[in-house]
Amino acid sequence: QIAKPIEWDSESLWPYTDEKNVMGRSHLVIGHGLYTAQRGVVTDRWKF
């Protein structure tokens, strides 16, 4: 029962316990920087 810091990008998973709340984000941004330098976008259907 602690409010997350306003600067965090993190979003709580608790709302998903409500079966009506299934939408979530439209896309994710992911990256890697150790052996390659890559960034991409993930959706339900695509990965760029």
All heavy atoms as atom14 arrays in JSON, in Angstrom:
{
  "sequence": "QIAKPIEWDSESLWPYTDEKNVMGRSHLVIGHGLYTAQRGVVTDRWKF",
  "atom14_mask": [
    [1, 1, 1, 1, 1, 1, 1, 1, 1, 0, 0, 0, 0, 0],
    [1, 1, 1, 1, 1, 1, 1, 1, 0, 0, 0, 0, 0, 0],
    [1, 1, 1, 1, 1, 0, 0, 0, 0, 0, 0, 0, 0, 0],
    [1, 1, 1, 1, 1, 1, 1, 1, 1, 0, 0, 0, 0, 0],
    [1, 1, 1, 1, 1, 1, 1, 0, 0, 0, 0, 0, 0, 0],
    [1, 1, 1, 1, 1, 1, 1, 1, 0, 0, 0, 0, 0, 0],
    [1, 1, 1, 1, 1, 1, 1, 1, 1, 0, 0, 0, 0, 0],
    [1, 1, 1, 1, 1, 1, 1, 1, 1, 1, 1, 1, 1, 1],
    [1, 1, 1, 1, 1, 1, 1, 1, 0, 0, 0, 0, 0, 0],
    [1, 1, 1, 1, 1, 1, 0, 0, 0, 0, 0, 0, 0, 0],
    [1, 1, 1, 1, 1, 1, 1, 1, 1, 0, 0, 0, 0, 0],
    [1, 1, 1, 1, 1, 1, 0, 0, 0, 0, 0, 0, 0, 0],
    [1, 1, 1, 1, 1, 1, 1, 1, 0, 0, 0, 0, 0, 0],
    [1, 1, 1, 1, 1, 1, 1, 1, 1, 1, 1, 1, 1, 1],
    [1, 1, 1, 1, 1, 1, 1, 0, 0, 0, 0, 0, 0, 0],
    [1, 1, 1, 1, 1, 1, 1, 1, 1, 1, 1, 1, 0, 0],
    [1, 1, 1, 1, 1, 1, 1, 0, 0, 0, 0, 0, 0, 0],
    [1, 1, 1, 1, 1, 1, 1, 1, 0, 0, 0, 0, 0, 0],
    [1, 1, 1, 1, 1, 1, 1, 1, 1, 0, 0, 0, 0, 0],
    [1, 1, 1, 1, 1, 1, 1, 1, 1, 0, 0, 0, 0, 0],
    [1, 1, 1, 1, 1, 1, 1, 1, 0, 0, 0, 0, 0, 0],
    [1, 1, 1, 1, 1, 1, 1, 0, 0, 0, 0, 0, 0, 0],
    [1, 1, 1, 1, 1, 1, 1, 1, 0, 0, 0, 0, 0, 0],
    [1, 1, 1, 1, 0, 0, 0, 0, 0, 0, 0, 0, 0, 0],
    [1, 1, 1, 1, 1, 1, 1, 1, 1, 1, 1, 0, 0, 0],
    [1, 1, 1, 1, 1, 1, 0, 0, 0, 0, 0, 0, 0, 0],
    [1, 1, 1, 1, 1, 1, 1, 1, 1, 1, 0, 0, 0, 0],
    [1, 1, 1, 1, 1, 1, 1, 1, 0, 0, 0, 0, 0, 0],
    [1, 1, 1, 1, 1, 1, 1, 0, 0, 0, 0, 0, 0, 0],
    [1, 1, 1, 1, 1, 1, 1, 1, 0, 0, 0, 0, 0, 0],
    [1, 1, 1, 1, 0, 0, 0, 0, 0, 0, 0, 0, 0, 0],
    [1, 1, 1, 1, 1, 1, 1, 1, 1, 1, 0, 0, 0, 0],
    [1, 1, 1, 1, 0, 0, 0, 0, 0, 0, 0, 0, 0, 0],
    [1, 1, 1, 1, 1, 1, 1, 1, 0, 0, 0, 0, 0, 0],
    [1, 1, 1, 1, 1, 1, 1, 1, 1, 1, 1, 1, 0, 0],
    [1, 1, 1, 1, 1, 1, 1, 0, 0, 0, 0, 0, 0, 0],
    [1, 1, 1, 1, 1, 0, 0, 0, 0, 0, 0, 0, 0, 0],
    [1, 1, 1, 1, 1, 1, 1, 1, 1, 0, 0, 0, 0, 0],
    [1, 1, 1, 1, 1, 1, 1, 1, 1, 1, 1, 0, 0, 0],
    [1, 1, 1, 1, 0, 0, 0, 0, 0, 0, 0, 0, 0, 0],
    [1, 1, 1, 1, 1, 1, 1, 0, 0, 0, 0, 0, 0, 0],
    [1, 1, 1, 1, 1, 1, 1, 0, 0, 0, 0, 0, 0, 0],
    [1, 1, 1, 1, 1, 1, 1, 0, 0, 0, 0, 0, 0, 0],
    [1, 1, 1, 1, 1, 1, 1, 1, 0, 0, 0, 0, 0, 0],
    [1, 1, 1, 1, 1, 1, 1, 1, 1, 1, 1, 0, 0, 0],
    [1, 1, 1, 1, 1, 1, 1, 1, 1, 1, 1, 1, 1, 1],
    [1, 1, 1, 1, 1, 1, 1, 1, 1, 0, 0, 0, 0, 0],
    [1, 1, 1, 1, 1, 1, 1, 1, 1, 1, 1, 0, 0, 0]
  ],
  "atom14_positions": [
    [[0.82, -1.21, 0.0], [0.0, 0.0, 0.0], [0.86, 1.26, 0.0], [0.58, 2.25, 0.7], [-0.97, -0.01, 1.19], [-1.94, -1.18, 1.16], [-2.92, -1.16, 2.31], [-2.59, -0.76, 3.43], [-4.15, -1.6, 2.06], [0.0, 0.0, 0.0], [0.0, 0.0, 0.0], [0.0, 0.0, 0.0], [0.0, 0.0, 0.0], [0.0, 0.0, 0.0]],
    [[1.91, 1.23, -0.81], [2.82, 2.35, -0.98], [2.67, 2.88, -2.4], [2.69, 2.11, -3.37], [4.29, 1.93, -0.74], [4.48, 1.41, 0.69], [5.25, 3.06, -1.04], [5.81, 0.74, 0.92], [0.0, 0.0, 0.0], [0.0, 0.0, 0.0], [0.0, 0.0, 0.0], [0.0, 0.0, 0.0], [0.0, 0.0, 0.0], [0.0, 0.0, 0.0]],
    [[2.53, 4.18, -2.54], [2.46, 4.77, -3.87], [3.83, 4.66, -4.55], [4.86, 4.98, -3.95], [2.05, 6.24, -3.77], [0.0, 0.0, 0.0], [0.0, 0.0, 0.0], [0.0, 0.0, 0.0], [0.0, 0.0, 0.0], [0.0, 0.0, 0.0], [0.0, 0.0, 0.0], [0.0, 0.0, 0.0], [0.0, 0.0, 0.0], [0.0, 0.0, 0.0]],
    [[3.84, 4.21, -5.78], [5.12, 4.1, -6.49], [5.67, 5.5, -6.76], [4.92, 6.47, -6.91], [4.93, 3.35, -7.81], [4.15, 4.15, -8.85], [4.25, 3.53, -10.23], [3.61, 4.44, -11.29], [3.77, 3.94, -12.64], [0.0, 0.0, 0.0], [0.0, 0.0, 0.0], [0.0, 0.0, 0.0], [0.0, 0.0, 0.0], [0.0, 0.0, 0.0]],
    [[7.0, 5.64, -6.8], [7.59, 6.94, -7.15], [7.08, 7.42, -8.5], [6.96, 6.63, -9.46], [9.09, 6.64, -7.19], [9.26, 5.47, -6.26], [8.03, 4.64, -6.45], [0.0, 0.0, 0.0], [0.0, 0.0, 0.0], [0.0, 0.0, 0.0], [0.0, 0.0, 0.0], [0.0, 0.0, 0.0], [0.0, 0.0, 0.0], [0.0, 0.0, 0.0]],
    [[6.78, 8.68, -8.59], [6.17, 9.23, -9.8], [7.08, 9.09, -11.01], [6.6, 9.01, -12.16], [5.78, 10.72, -9.57], [4.86, 11.19, -10.69], [7.01, 11.6, -9.42], [4.24, 12.55, -10.45], [0.0, 0.0, 0.0], [0.0, 0.0, 0.0], [0.0, 0.0, 0.0], [0.0, 0.0, 0.0], [0.0, 0.0, 0.0], [0.0, 0.0, 0.0]],
    [[8.39, 9.03, -10.79], [9.33, 8.96, -11.91], [9.48, 7.55, -12.47], [10.1, 7.35, -13.53], [10.7, 9.5, -11.5], [11.47, 8.65, -10.49], [11.12, 8.99, -9.05], [10.09, 9.65, -8.82], [11.9, 8.58, -8.15], [0.0, 0.0, 0.0], [0.0, 0.0, 0.0], [0.0, 0.0, 0.0], [0.0, 0.0, 0.0], [0.0, 0.0, 0.0]],
    [[8.95, 6.54, -11.8], [9.07, 5.17, -12.28], [8.27, 4.96, -13.56], [7.18, 5.52, -13.74], [8.58, 4.19, -11.22], [9.57, 3.88, -10.13], [10.76, 4.48, -9.9], [9.42, 2.88, -9.13], [11.38, 3.93, -8.8], [10.58, 2.94, -8.31], [8.43, 1.94, -8.82], [10.77, 2.09, -7.21], [8.61, 1.1, -7.74], [9.77, 1.17, -6.95]],
    [[8.8, 4.11, -14.44], [8.06, 3.66, -15.62], [7.22, 2.43, -15.3], [6.33, 2.06, -16.08], [9.04, 3.31, -16.74], [9.9, 4.5, -17.15], [9.32, 5.55, -17.48], [11.14, 4.38, -17.12], [0.0, 0.0, 0.0], [0.0, 0.0, 0.0], [0.0, 0.0, 0.0], [0.0, 0.0, 0.0], [0.0, 0.0, 0.0], [0.0, 0.0, 0.0]],
    [[7.49, 1.8, -14.21], [6.81, 0.58, -13.78], [5.32, 0.84, -13.54], [4.94, 1.88, -13.01], [7.47, 0.07, -12.49], [6.81, -1.06, -11.99], [0.0, 0.0, 0.0], [0.0, 0.0, 0.0], [0.0, 0.0, 0.0], [0.0, 0.0, 0.0], [0.0, 0.0, 0.0], [0.0, 0.0, 0.0], [0.0, 0.0, 0.0], [0.0, 0.0, 0.0]],
    [[4.49, -0.14, -13.92], [3.06, -0.1, -13.67], [2.64, -1.37, -12.94], [3.07, -2.47, -13.29], [2.28, 0.03, -14.99], [2.56, 1.33, -15.73], [1.77, 1.45, -17.02], [0.92, 0.56, -17.29], [1.99, 2.43, -17.75], [0.0, 0.0, 0.0], [0.0, 0.0, 0.0], [0.0, 0.0, 0.0], [0.0, 0.0, 0.0], [0.0, 0.0, 0.0]],
    [[1.8, -1.23, -11.95], [1.41, -2.36, -11.12], [0.65, -3.42, -11.92], [-0.14, -3.11, -12.82], [0.55, -1.89, -9.95], [0.08, -3.0, -9.21], [0.0, 0.0, 0.0], [0.0, 0.0, 0.0], [0.0, 0.0, 0.0], [0.0, 0.0, 0.0], [0.0, 0.0, 0.0], [0.0, 0.0, 0.0], [0.0, 0.0, 0.0], [0.0, 0.0, 0.0]],
    [[0.87, -4.67, -11.54], [0.16, -5.79, -12.16], [-1.16, -6.1, -11.46], [-1.95, -6.92, -11.95], [1.05, -7.04, -12.13], [2.39, -6.92, -12.85], [3.27, -8.13, -12.53], [2.2, -6.78, -14.36], [0.0, 0.0, 0.0], [0.0, 0.0, 0.0], [0.0, 0.0, 0.0], [0.0, 0.0, 0.0], [0.0, 0.0, 0.0], [0.0, 0.0, 0.0]],
    [[-1.4, -5.46, -10.32], [-2.61, -5.74, -9.57], [-3.89, -5.54, -10.38], [-4.84, -6.32, -10.25], [-2.67, -4.9, -8.28], [-1.78, -5.42, -7.2], [-0.46, -5.17, -7.03], [-2.15, -6.29, -6.11], [0.03, -5.81, -5.92], [-0.99, -6.51, -5.33], [-3.35, -6.89, -5.72], [-0.99, -7.3, -4.2], [-3.35, -7.69, -4.59], [-2.19, -7.9, -3.85]],
    [[-4.0, -4.49, -11.23], [-5.26, -4.32, -11.99], [-5.63, -5.53, -12.85], [-6.81, -5.73, -13.15], [-4.97, -3.09, -12.86], [-3.97, -2.3, -12.06], [-3.09, -3.34, -11.44], [0.0, 0.0, 0.0], [0.0, 0.0, 0.0], [0.0, 0.0, 0.0], [0.0, 0.0, 0.0], [0.0, 0.0, 0.0], [0.0, 0.0, 0.0], [0.0, 0.0, 0.0]],
    [[-4.64, -6.34, -13.24], [-4.94, -7.49, -14.09], [-5.65, -8.61, -13.34], [-6.13, -9.56, -13.96], [-3.65, -8.03, -14.72], [-3.01, -7.04, -15.67], [-1.81, -6.41, -15.33], [-3.6, -6.71, -16.88], [-1.22, -5.5, -16.18], [-3.03, -5.79, -17.74], [-1.84, -5.19, -17.39], [-1.26, -4.28, -18.23], [0.0, 0.0, 0.0], [0.0, 0.0, 0.0]],
    [[-5.73, -8.49, -12.02], [-6.5, -9.49, -11.27], [-8.0, -9.33, -11.53], [-8.78, -10.25, -11.25], [-6.22, -9.37, -9.76], [-6.59, -8.06, -9.3], [-4.75, -9.61, -9.45], [0.0, 0.0, 0.0], [0.0, 0.0, 0.0], [0.0, 0.0, 0.0], [0.0, 0.0, 0.0], [0.0, 0.0, 0.0], [0.0, 0.0, 0.0], [0.0, 0.0, 0.0]],
    [[-8.39, -8.19, -12.04], [-9.77, -7.97, -12.47], [-9.9, -8.51, -13.9], [-9.26, -8.01, -14.82], [-10.1, -6.47, -12.43], [-11.53, -6.16, -12.85], [-12.23, -7.07, -13.34], [-11.94, -5.0, -12.71], [0.0, 0.0, 0.0], [0.0, 0.0, 0.0], [0.0, 0.0, 0.0], [0.0, 0.0, 0.0], [0.0, 0.0, 0.0], [0.0, 0.0, 0.0]],
    [[-10.71, -9.52, -14.08], [-10.82, -10.18, -15.38], [-11.26, -9.23, -16.49], [-11.03, -9.49, -17.67], [-11.79, -11.36, -15.3], [-11.27, -12.51, -14.42], [-12.14, -13.74, -14.54], [-12.65, -14.01, -15.63], [-12.29, -14.44, -13.52], [0.0, 0.0, 0.0], [0.0, 0.0, 0.0], [0.0, 0.0, 0.0], [0.0, 0.0, 0.0], [0.0, 0.0, 0.0]],
    [[-11.88, -8.13, -16.14], [-12.34, -7.16, -17.15], [-11.18, -6.31, -17.67], [-11.28, -5.68, -18.72], [-13.41, -6.26, -16.56], [-14.68, -7.0, -16.13], [-15.67, -6.05, -15.49], [-16.9, -6.8, -15.01], [-17.87, -5.89, -14.33], [0.0, 0.0, 0.0], [0.0, 0.0, 0.0], [0.0, 0.0, 0.0], [0.0, 0.0, 0.0], [0.0, 0.0, 0.0]],
    [[-10.06, -6.27, -16.92], [-8.92, -5.43, -17.29], [-7.88, -6.27, -18.02], [-6.97, -6.82, -17.41], [-8.31, -4.79, -16.03], [-7.33, -3.68, -16.38], [-6.95, -3.53, -17.53], [-6.93, -2.91, -15.39], [0.0, 0.0, 0.0], [0.0, 0.0, 0.0], [0.0, 0.0, 0.0], [0.0, 0.0, 0.0], [0.0, 0.0, 0.0], [0.0, 0.0, 0.0]],
    [[-8.05, -6.4, -19.33], [-7.15, -7.26, -20.1], [-6.41, -6.51, -21.2], [-5.66, -7.1, -21.96], [-7.93, -8.44, -20.72], [-8.48, -9.35, -19.65], [-9.05, -7.92, -21.63], [0.0, 0.0, 0.0], [0.0, 0.0, 0.0], [0.0, 0.0, 0.0], [0.0, 0.0, 0.0], [0.0, 0.0, 0.0], [0.0, 0.0, 0.0], [0.0, 0.0, 0.0]],
    [[-6.62, -5.2, -21.3], [-6.04, -4.45, -22.41], [-4.53, -4.23, -22.25], [-3.74, -4.62, -23.08], [-6.75, -3.11, -22.55], [-8.2, -3.25, -23.01], [-8.33, -4.02, -24.63], [-7.59, -2.75, -25.64], [0.0, 0.0, 0.0], [0.0, 0.0, 0.0], [0.0, 0.0, 0.0], [0.0, 0.0, 0.0], [0.0, 0.0, 0.0], [0.0, 0.0, 0.0]],
    [[-4.14, -3.59, -21.14], [-2.72, -3.32, -20.93], [-2.13, -2.37, -21.96], [-2.83, -1.58, -22.59], [0.0, 0.0, 0.0], [0.0, 0.0, 0.0], [0.0, 0.0, 0.0], [0.0, 0.0, 0.0], [0.0, 0.0, 0.0], [0.0, 0.0, 0.0], [0.0, 0.0, 0.0], [0.0, 0.0, 0.0], [0.0, 0.0, 0.0], [0.0, 0.0, 0.0]],
    [[-0.83, -2.47, -22.18], [-0.13, -1.59, -23.12], [-0.37, -2.04, -24.56], [-0.52, -3.23, -24.83], [1.37, -1.6, -22.82], [1.77, -1.07, -21.45], [3.27, -1.22, -21.27], [3.78, -0.62, -20.05], [3.89, -1.28, -18.88], [3.48, -2.55, -18.8], [4.37, -0.68, -17.82], [0.0, 0.0, 0.0], [0.0, 0.0, 0.0], [0.0, 0.0, 0.0]],
    [[-0.3, -1.1, -25.47], [-0.43, -1.44, -26.89], [0.87, -1.98, -27.46], [0.87, -2.73, -28.44], [-0.85, -0.19, -27.69], [0.17, 0.81, -27.63], [0.0, 0.0, 0.0], [0.0, 0.0, 0.0], [0.0, 0.0, 0.0], [0.0, 0.0, 0.0], [0.0, 0.0, 0.0], [0.0, 0.0, 0.0], [0.0, 0.0, 0.0], [0.0, 0.0, 0.0]],
    [[2.0, -1.61, -26.83], [3.3, -2.07, -27.32], [4.34, -1.91, -26.21], [4.13, -1.17, -25.24], [3.73, -1.27, -28.56], [3.94, 0.19, -28.29], [2.9, 1.1, -28.25], [5.07, 0.91, -28.05], [3.36, 2.31, -28.01], [4.68, 2.22, -27.86], [0.0, 0.0, 0.0], [0.0, 0.0, 0.0], [0.0, 0.0, 0.0], [0.0, 0.0, 0.0]],
    [[5.44, -2.61, -26.38], [6.58, -2.52, -25.46], [7.8, -2.08, -26.26], [7.94, -2.42, -27.44], [6.87, -3.87, -24.81], [5.75, -4.57, -24.03], [6.24, -5.94, -23.55], [5.27, -3.73, -22.87], [0.0, 0.0, 0.0], [0.0, 0.0, 0.0], [0.0, 0.0, 0.0], [0.0, 0.0, 0.0], [0.0, 0.0, 0.0], [0.0, 0.0, 0.0]],
    [[8.72, -1.38, -25.59], [10.02, -1.05, -26.18], [11.09, -1.82, -25.41], [11.15, -1.76, -24.17], [10.3, 0.46, -26.1], [11.71, 0.77, -26.61], [9.27, 1.23, -26.91], [0.0, 0.0, 0.0], [0.0, 0.0, 0.0], [0.0, 0.0, 0.0], [0.0, 0.0, 0.0], [0.0, 0.0, 0.0], [0.0, 0.0, 0.0], [0.0, 0.0, 0.0]],
    [[11.9, -2.58, -26.12], [12.93, -3.42, -25.48], [14.29, -3.17, -26.12], [14.37, -2.7, -27.26], [12.56, -4.92, -25.56], [12.47, -5.38, -27.02], [11.25, -5.19, -24.83], [12.23, -6.88, -27.18], [0.0, 0.0, 0.0], [0.0, 0.0, 0.0], [0.0, 0.0, 0.0], [0.0, 0.0, 0.0], [0.0, 0.0, 0.0], [0.0, 0.0, 0.0]],
    [[15.36, -3.48, -25.38], [16.69, -3.23, -25.9], [17.72, -4.23, -25.41], [17.48, -4.98, -24.46], [0.0, 0.0, 0.0], [0.0, 0.0, 0.0], [0.0, 0.0, 0.0], [0.0, 0.0, 0.0], [0.0, 0.0, 0.0], [0.0, 0.0, 0.0], [0.0, 0.0, 0.0], [0.0, 0.0, 0.0], [0.0, 0.0, 0.0], [0.0, 0.0, 0.0]],
    [[18.87, -4.24, -26.07], [20.03, -5.05, -25.67], [21.29, -4.26, -25.99], [21.37, -3.61, -27.03], [20.06, -6.39, -26.41], [21.25, -7.23, -26.06], [21.19, -8.21, -25.08], [22.52, -7.23, -26.52], [22.39, -8.76, -24.97], [23.21, -8.19, -25.82], [0.0, 0.0, 0.0], [0.0, 0.0, 0.0], [0.0, 0.0, 0.0], [0.0, 0.0, 0.0]],
    [[22.3, -4.35, -25.09], [23.5, -3.56, -25.32], [24.82, -4.24, -25.03], [25.84, -3.56, -25.02], [0.0, 0.0, 0.0], [0.0, 0.0, 0.0], [0.0, 0.0, 0.0], [0.0, 0.0, 0.0], [0.0, 0.0, 0.0], [0.0, 0.0, 0.0], [0.0, 0.0, 0.0], [0.0, 0.0, 0.0], [0.0, 0.0, 0.0], [0.0, 0.0, 0.0]],
    [[24.83, -5.57, -24.8], [26.1, -6.23, -24.42], [26.86, -6.76, -25.63], [28.04, -6.45, -25.81], [25.83, -7.36, -23.43], [27.08, -8.1, -22.93], [28.07, -7.14, -22.27], [26.69, -9.21, -21.97], [0.0, 0.0, 0.0], [0.0, 0.0, 0.0], [0.0, 0.0, 0.0], [0.0, 0.0, 0.0], [0.0, 0.0, 0.0], [0.0, 0.0, 0.0]],
    [[26.23, -7.59, -26.44], [26.91, -8.19, -27.6], [26.47, -7.56, -28.92], [27.14, -7.69, -29.93], [26.66, -9.7, -27.64], [27.36, -10.42, -26.52], [26.65, -10.89, -25.43], [28.74, -10.62, -26.55], [27.3, -11.55, -24.39], [29.39, -11.27, -25.52], [28.66, -11.74, -24.44], [29.3, -12.39, -23.42], [0.0, 0.0, 0.0], [0.0, 0.0, 0.0]],
    [[25.3, -6.94, -28.91], [24.82, -6.12, -30.01], [24.3, -4.83, -29.38], [24.21, -4.73, -28.15], [23.67, -6.81, -30.77], [22.62, -7.1, -29.85], [24.14, -8.08, -31.45], [0.0, 0.0, 0.0], [0.0, 0.0, 0.0], [0.0, 0.0, 0.0], [0.0, 0.0, 0.0], [0.0, 0.0, 0.0], [0.0, 0.0, 0.0], [0.0, 0.0, 0.0]],
    [[23.94, -3.88, -30.21], [23.2, -2.7, -29.73], [21.91, -2.67, -30.54], [21.92, -2.31, -31.72], [24.01, -1.43, -29.92], [0.0, 0.0, 0.0], [0.0, 0.0, 0.0], [0.0, 0.0, 0.0], [0.0, 0.0, 0.0], [0.0, 0.0, 0.0], [0.0, 0.0, 0.0], [0.0, 0.0, 0.0], [0.0, 0.0, 0.0], [0.0, 0.0, 0.0]],
    [[20.82, -3.08, -29.9], [19.54, -3.21, -30.59], [18.42, -2.61, -29.73], [18.49, -2.65, -28.51], [19.2, -4.68, -30.86], [20.1, -5.36, -31.86], [19.68, -6.8, -32.09], [19.29, -7.5, -31.16], [19.74, -7.25, -33.34], [0.0, 0.0, 0.0], [0.0, 0.0, 0.0], [0.0, 0.0, 0.0], [0.0, 0.0, 0.0], [0.0, 0.0, 0.0]],
    [[17.43, -2.1, -30.41], [16.23, -1.66, -29.73], [15.05, -2.04, -30.63], [15.18, -2.05, -31.85], [16.27, -0.16, -29.45], [15.21, 0.31, -28.47], [15.42, 1.76, -28.09], [16.4, 1.91, -27.01], [17.24, 2.93, -26.91], [17.25, 3.88, -27.84], [18.09, 3.01, -25.9], [0.0, 0.0, 0.0], [0.0, 0.0, 0.0], [0.0, 0.0, 0.0]],
    [[13.92, -2.36, -30.01], [12.79, -2.78, -30.82], [11.46, -2.52, -30.16], [11.38, -2.07, -29.01], [0.0, 0.0, 0.0], [0.0, 0.0, 0.0], [0.0, 0.0, 0.0], [0.0, 0.0, 0.0], [0.0, 0.0, 0.0], [0.0, 0.0, 0.0], [0.0, 0.0, 0.0], [0.0, 0.0, 0.0], [0.0, 0.0, 0.0], [0.0, 0.0, 0.0]],
    [[10.4, -2.8, -30.91], [9.02, -2.64, -30.46], [8.3, -3.97, -30.59], [8.4, -4.63, -31.63], [8.3, -1.56, -31.27], [6.85, -1.43, -30.83], [9.0, -0.22, -31.16], [0.0, 0.0, 0.0], [0.0, 0.0, 0.0], [0.0, 0.0, 0.0], [0.0, 0.0, 0.0], [0.0, 0.0, 0.0], [0.0, 0.0, 0.0], [0.0, 0.0, 0.0]],
    [[7.6, -4.34, -29.53], [6.81, -5.58, -29.52], [5.34, -5.22, -29.39], [4.95, -4.43, -28.52], [7.21, -6.48, -28.33], [6.35, -7.75, -28.32], [8.69, -6.85, -28.4], [0.0, 0.0, 0.0], [0.0, 0.0, 0.0], [0.0, 0.0, 0.0], [0.0, 0.0, 0.0], [0.0, 0.0, 0.0], [0.0, 0.0, 0.0], [0.0, 0.0, 0.0]],
    [[4.51, -5.79, -30.28], [3.06, -5.7, -30.14], [2.52, -7.13, -30.05], [3.28, -8.1, -30.11], [2.41, -4.99, -31.34], [2.47, -5.83, -32.5], [3.09, -3.66, -31.62], [0.0, 0.0, 0.0], [0.0, 0.0, 0.0], [0.0, 0.0, 0.0], [0.0, 0.0, 0.0], [0.0, 0.0, 0.0], [0.0, 0.0, 0.0], [0.0, 0.0, 0.0]],
    [[1.22, -7.27, -29.92], [0.64, -8.61, -29.88], [1.01, -9.42, -31.11], [1.21, -10.63, -31.02], [-0.88, -8.54, -29.76], [-1.35, -8.13, -28.38], [-0.64, -8.45, -27.4], [-2.4, -7.48, -28.27], [0.0, 0.0, 0.0], [0.0, 0.0, 0.0], [0.0, 0.0, 0.0], [0.0, 0.0, 0.0], [0.0, 0.0, 0.0], [0.0, 0.0, 0.0]],
    [[1.11, -8.77, -32.24], [1.36, -9.5, -33.49], [2.77, -9.33, -34.03], [3.31, -10.26, -34.64], [0.37, -9.04, -34.56], [0.52, -9.8, -35.87], [-0.52, -9.42, -36.91], [-0.31, -10.17, -38.14], [-1.02, -10.0, -39.25], [-2.01, -9.09, -39.28], [-0.76, -10.7, -40.33], [0.0, 0.0, 0.0], [0.0, 0.0, 0.0], [0.0, 0.0, 0.0]],
    [[3.4, -8.18, -33.82], [4.64, -7.88, -34.52], [5.81, -7.64, -33.56], [5.62, -7.23, -32.43], [4.48, -6.61, -35.38], [3.39, -6.7, -36.4], [2.14, -6.15, -36.31], [3.45, -7.38, -37.65], [1.41, -6.45, -37.43], [2.18, -7.2, -38.27], [4.43, -8.13, -38.3], [1.89, -7.74, -39.52], [4.13, -8.65, -39.55], [2.88, -8.47, -40.14]],
    [[7.0, -7.88, -34.1], [8.21, -7.38, -33.45], [9.06, -6.67, -34.5], [9.43, -7.26, -35.53], [9.05, -8.47, -32.79], [10.32, -7.88, -32.14], [11.29, -8.93, -31.67], [10.84, -9.49, -30.33], [11.84, -10.44, -29.8], [0.0, 0.0, 0.0], [0.0, 0.0, 0.0], [0.0, 0.0, 0.0], [0.0, 0.0, 0.0], [0.0, 0.0, 0.0]],
    [[9.38, -5.42, -34.21], [10.26, -4.61, -35.05], [11.59, -4.45, -34.34], [11.62, -4.1, -33.16], [9.62, -3.24, -35.31], [10.54, -2.24, -35.95], [10.96, -2.4, -37.26], [11.0, -1.14, -35.24], [11.81, -1.47, -37.86], [11.84, -0.21, -35.81], [12.25, -0.37, -37.13], [0.0, 0.0, 0.0], [0.0, 0.0, 0.0], [0.0, 0.0, 0.0]]
  ]
}
